[in-house]
Amino acid sequence: MSFNRFKRGKGRTVRRVPGTMNKTEQSYAKVLGERIAHGIIEHYGFESITLKLAPDTRWTPDFFVLMPDGEIQFHEVKGRNKKTGKPRIEDHSLVKIKVAAAMFPFRFIVVWPNGLGGWDSKEVDPV
């Protein structure tokens, strides 16, 4: 069994192994930890829930977030496009998030670093 964080993938030189955070996700996890300490959120989990969107289609959000009032949110962490300041998100990824937002009664939020040491976010509207 290999304990490498990365493995070879088709079409990519390196593919991330599920369950391991990249640097952007690690930074956001620290933010979520601070929010727990301040009582802003109750709990979070990394890649802890997978949603079934269709018979052979599943999506695992980066973070499951439980708010103090019991609201459930799913946060998807993306990198920042340095030219536009918007999140770098592939079309197929955005489609899955929108489909999930249409199917499930939760809030789906895309978050990305704003380049100034903070985070920007946008709630995803269902399809």
C-alpha atoms as a PDB file:
ATOM      1  CA  MET A   1       0.000   0.000   0.000  1.00  0.00           C
ATOM      2  CA  SER A   2       1.338   3.399  -0.968  1.00  0.00           C
ATOM      3  CA  PHE A   3       1.159   6.307   1.448  1.00  0.00           C
ATOM      4  CA  ASN A   4       2.014   8.926  -1.140  1.00  0.00           C
ATOM      5  CA  ARG A   5      -0.224  11.998  -1.277  1.00  0.00           C
ATOM      6  CA  PHE A   6      -0.252  11.827  -5.057  1.00  0.00           C
ATOM      7  CA  LYS A   7      -0.583   9.142  -7.692  1.00  0.00           C
ATOM      8  CA  ARG A   8      -0.280   9.066 -11.460  1.00  0.00           C
ATOM      9  CA  GLY A   9      -3.534   9.838 -13.251  1.00  0.00           C
ATOM     10  CA  LYS A  10      -4.844   9.769 -16.787  1.00  0.00           C
ATOM     11  CA  GLY A  11      -4.278  13.045 -18.612  1.00  0.00           C
ATOM     12  CA  ARG A  12      -2.541  14.599 -15.622  1.00  0.00           C
ATOM     13  CA  THR A  13       1.006  14.186 -14.485  1.00  0.00           C
ATOM     14  CA  VAL A  14      -0.104  13.875 -10.856  1.00  0.00           C
ATOM     15  CA  ARG A  15      -3.524  13.310  -9.260  1.00  0.00           C
ATOM     16  CA  ARG A  16      -4.440  13.989  -5.641  1.00  0.00           C
ATOM     17  CA  VAL A  17      -5.318  11.022  -3.455  1.00  0.00           C
ATOM     18  CA  PRO A  18      -8.766  11.427  -1.804  1.00  0.00           C
ATOM     19  CA  GLY A  19      -8.637  12.309   1.888  1.00  0.00           C
ATOM     20  CA  THR A  20      -5.526  14.489   1.657  1.00  0.00           C
ATOM     21  CA  MET A  21      -5.783  18.278   1.671  1.00  0.00           C
ATOM     22  CA  ASN A  22      -3.913  20.533  -0.712  1.00  0.00           C
ATOM     23  CA  LYS A  23      -2.394  23.766   0.641  1.00  0.00           C
ATOM     24  CA  THR A  24      -5.476  25.872  -0.131  1.00  0.00           C
ATOM     25  CA  GLU A  25      -7.733  23.377   1.651  1.00  0.00           C
ATOM     26  CA  GLN A  26      -5.338  23.290   4.619  1.00  0.00           C
ATOM     27  CA  SER A  27      -5.500  27.085   4.875  1.00  0.00           C
ATOM     28  CA  TYR A  28      -9.291  27.024   4.774  1.00  0.00           C
ATOM     29  CA  ALA A  29      -9.396  24.259   7.411  1.00  0.00           C
ATOM     30  CA  LYS A  30      -7.475  26.621   9.720  1.00  0.00           C
ATOM     31  CA  VAL A  31     -10.141  29.292   9.098  1.00  0.00           C
ATOM     32  CA  LEU A  32     -12.874  26.785   9.952  1.00  0.00           C
ATOM     33  CA  GLY A  33     -10.991  25.807  13.122  1.00  0.00           C
ATOM     34  CA  GLU A  34     -10.878  29.463  14.160  1.00  0.00           C
ATOM     35  CA  ARG A  35     -14.610  29.772  13.457  1.00  0.00           C
ATOM     36  CA  ILE A  36     -15.266  26.825  15.785  1.00  0.00           C
ATOM     37  CA  ALA A  37     -13.163  28.490  18.513  1.00  0.00           C
ATOM     38  CA  HIS A  38     -15.244  31.668  18.156  1.00  0.00           C
ATOM     39  CA  GLY A  39     -18.584  29.831  18.080  1.00  0.00           C
ATOM     40  CA  ILE A  40     -19.340  30.835  14.483  1.00  0.00           C
ATOM     41  CA  ILE A  41     -19.649  27.210  13.384  1.00  0.00           C
ATOM     42  CA  GLU A  42     -20.287  24.041  15.385  1.00  0.00           C
ATOM     43  CA  HIS A  43     -18.353  21.421  13.436  1.00  0.00           C
ATOM     44  CA  TYR A  44     -16.691  20.683  10.099  1.00  0.00           C
ATOM     45  CA  GLY A  45     -15.411  17.622   8.275  1.00  0.00           C
ATOM     46  CA  PHE A  46     -13.116  17.245   5.283  1.00  0.00           C
ATOM     47  CA  GLU A  47     -14.446  15.052   2.441  1.00  0.00           C
ATOM     48  CA  SER A  48     -16.643  13.316   5.015  1.00  0.00           C
ATOM     49  CA  ILE A  49     -19.843  13.083   2.941  1.00  0.00           C
ATOM     50  CA  THR A  50     -20.417  11.957  -0.645  1.00  0.00           C
ATOM     51  CA  LEU A  51     -23.631  12.909  -2.416  1.00  0.00           C
ATOM     52  CA  LYS A  52     -25.176  10.648  -5.052  1.00  0.00           C
ATOM     53  CA  LEU A  53     -26.310  12.833  -7.971  1.00  0.00           C
ATOM     54  CA  ALA A  54     -27.253  10.101 -10.471  1.00  0.00           C
ATOM     55  CA  PRO A  55     -26.787   6.307 -10.784  1.00  0.00           C
ATOM     56  CA  ASP A  56     -23.069   6.547 -11.624  1.00  0.00           C
ATOM     57  CA  THR A  57     -22.381  10.128 -10.581  1.00  0.00           C
ATOM     58  CA  ARG A  58     -21.215  11.185  -7.143  1.00  0.00           C
ATOM     59  CA  TRP A  59     -19.705  14.346  -5.703  1.00  0.00           C
ATOM     60  CA  THR A  60     -17.700  14.744  -2.515  1.00  0.00           C
ATOM     61  CA  PRO A  61     -17.644  18.361  -1.302  1.00  0.00           C
ATOM     62  CA  ASP A  62     -14.421  19.545   0.307  1.00  0.00           C
ATOM     63  CA  PHE A  63     -16.013  20.529   3.622  1.00  0.00           C
ATOM     64  CA  PHE A  64     -19.210  19.659   5.458  1.00  0.00           C
ATOM     65  CA  VAL A  65     -19.999  22.542   7.842  1.00  0.00           C
ATOM     66  CA  LEU A  66     -22.533  22.443  10.672  1.00  0.00           C
ATOM     67  CA  MET A  67     -23.755  25.818  11.883  1.00  0.00           C
ATOM     68  CA  PRO A  68     -24.814  26.439  15.526  1.00  0.00           C
ATOM     69  CA  ASP A  69     -28.492  26.622  14.482  1.00  0.00           C
ATOM     70  CA  GLY A  70     -28.272  23.167  12.845  1.00  0.00           C
ATOM     71  CA  GLU A  71     -27.994  24.422   9.267  1.00  0.00           C
ATOM     72  CA  ILE A  72     -25.831  22.221   7.044  1.00  0.00           C
ATOM     73  CA  GLN A  73     -23.541  23.786   4.476  1.00  0.00           C
ATOM     74  CA  PHE A  74     -21.113  22.320   1.973  1.00  0.00           C
ATOM     75  CA  HIS A  75     -18.028  24.390   1.146  1.00  0.00           C
ATOM     76  CA  GLU A  76     -16.034  23.733  -2.018  1.00  0.00           C
ATOM     77  CA  VAL A  77     -12.530  25.255  -1.934  1.00  0.00           C
ATOM     78  CA  LYS A  78     -11.040  26.489  -5.209  1.00  0.00           C
ATOM     79  CA  GLY A  79      -7.872  28.298  -6.172  1.00  0.00           C
ATOM     80  CA  ARG A  80      -7.921  31.926  -7.278  1.00  0.00           C
ATOM     81  CA  ASN A  81      -7.444  33.047 -10.869  1.00  0.00           C
ATOM     82  CA  LYS A  82      -4.768  35.741 -10.458  1.00  0.00           C
ATOM     83  CA  LYS A  83      -5.944  37.693 -13.514  1.00  0.00           C
ATOM     84  CA  THR A  84      -9.653  37.870 -12.672  1.00  0.00           C
ATOM     85  CA  GLY A  85      -9.651  37.299  -8.911  1.00  0.00           C
ATOM     86  CA  LYS A  86     -12.427  34.730  -9.394  1.00  0.00           C
ATOM     87  CA  PRO A  87     -12.285  31.058  -8.444  1.00  0.00           C
ATOM     88  CA  ARG A  88     -10.671  28.569 -10.820  1.00  0.00           C
ATOM     89  CA  ILE A  89     -13.445  26.058 -11.356  1.00  0.00           C
ATOM     90  CA  GLU A  90     -13.845  23.588 -14.189  1.00  0.00           C
ATOM     91  CA  ASP A  91     -17.211  23.347 -15.957  1.00  0.00           C
ATOM     92  CA  HIS A  92     -17.915  19.756 -14.898  1.00  0.00           C
ATOM     93  CA  SER A  93     -17.219  20.656 -11.274  1.00  0.00           C
ATOM     94  CA  LEU A  94     -19.587  23.632 -11.385  1.00  0.00           C
ATOM     95  CA  VAL A  95     -22.311  21.477 -12.972  1.00  0.00           C
ATOM     96  CA  LYS A  96     -22.039  18.904 -10.161  1.00  0.00           C
ATOM     97  CA  ILE A  97     -22.314  21.623  -7.498  1.00  0.00           C
ATOM     98  CA  LYS A  98     -25.357  23.153  -9.216  1.00  0.00           C
ATOM     99  CA  VAL A  99     -27.049  19.768  -9.557  1.00  0.00           C
ATOM    100  CA  ALA A 100     -26.381  19.024  -5.881  1.00  0.00           C
ATOM    101  CA  ALA A 101     -27.843  22.424  -4.944  1.00  0.00           C
ATOM    102  CA  ALA A 102     -30.994  21.568  -6.900  1.00  0.00           C
ATOM    103  CA  MET A 103     -31.322  18.105  -5.344  1.00  0.00           C
ATOM    104  CA  PHE A 104     -30.513  18.685  -1.679  1.00  0.00           C
ATOM    105  CA  PRO A 105     -31.876  21.204   0.879  1.00  0.00           C
ATOM    106  CA  PHE A 106     -28.476  22.525   1.956  1.00  0.00           C
ATOM    107  CA  ARG A 107     -26.381  25.604   1.195  1.00  0.00           C
ATOM    108  CA  PHE A 108     -23.546  25.062  -1.272  1.00  0.00           C
ATOM    109  CA  ILE A 109     -20.776  27.652  -1.148  1.00  0.00           C
ATOM    110  CA  VAL A 110     -17.644  28.022  -3.278  1.00  0.00           C
ATOM    111  CA  VAL A 111     -14.769  29.673  -1.387  1.00  0.00           C
ATOM    112  CA  TRP A 112     -11.411  30.889  -2.696  1.00  0.00           C
ATOM    113  CA  PRO A 113      -8.508  32.982  -1.376  1.00  0.00           C
ATOM    114  CA  ASN A 114      -8.903  36.672  -2.201  1.00  0.00           C
ATOM    115  CA  GLY A 115      -5.171  37.302  -2.533  1.00  0.00           C
ATOM    116  CA  LEU A 116      -5.169  39.651   0.472  1.00  0.00           C
ATOM    117  CA  GLY A 117      -4.995  37.003   3.199  1.00  0.00           C
ATOM    118  CA  GLY A 118      -8.766  36.472   3.384  1.00  0.00           C
ATOM    119  CA  TRP A 119     -11.421  34.478   1.598  1.00  0.00           C
ATOM    120  CA  ASP A 120     -14.148  35.289  -0.913  1.00  0.00           C
ATOM    121  CA  SER A 121     -17.248  33.156  -1.274  1.00  0.00           C
ATOM    122  CA  LYS A 122     -20.306  32.737  -3.447  1.00  0.00           C
ATOM    123  CA  GLU A 123     -23.389  30.688  -2.760  1.00  0.00           C
ATOM    124  CA  VAL A 124     -24.194  28.390  -5.671  1.00  0.00           C
ATOM    125  CA  ASP A 125     -27.652  28.721  -7.192  1.00  0.00           C
ATOM    126  CA  PRO A 126     -29.342  25.465  -8.270  1.00  0.00           C
ATOM    127  CA  VAL A 127     -29.636  24.641 -11.976  1.00  0.00           C
END
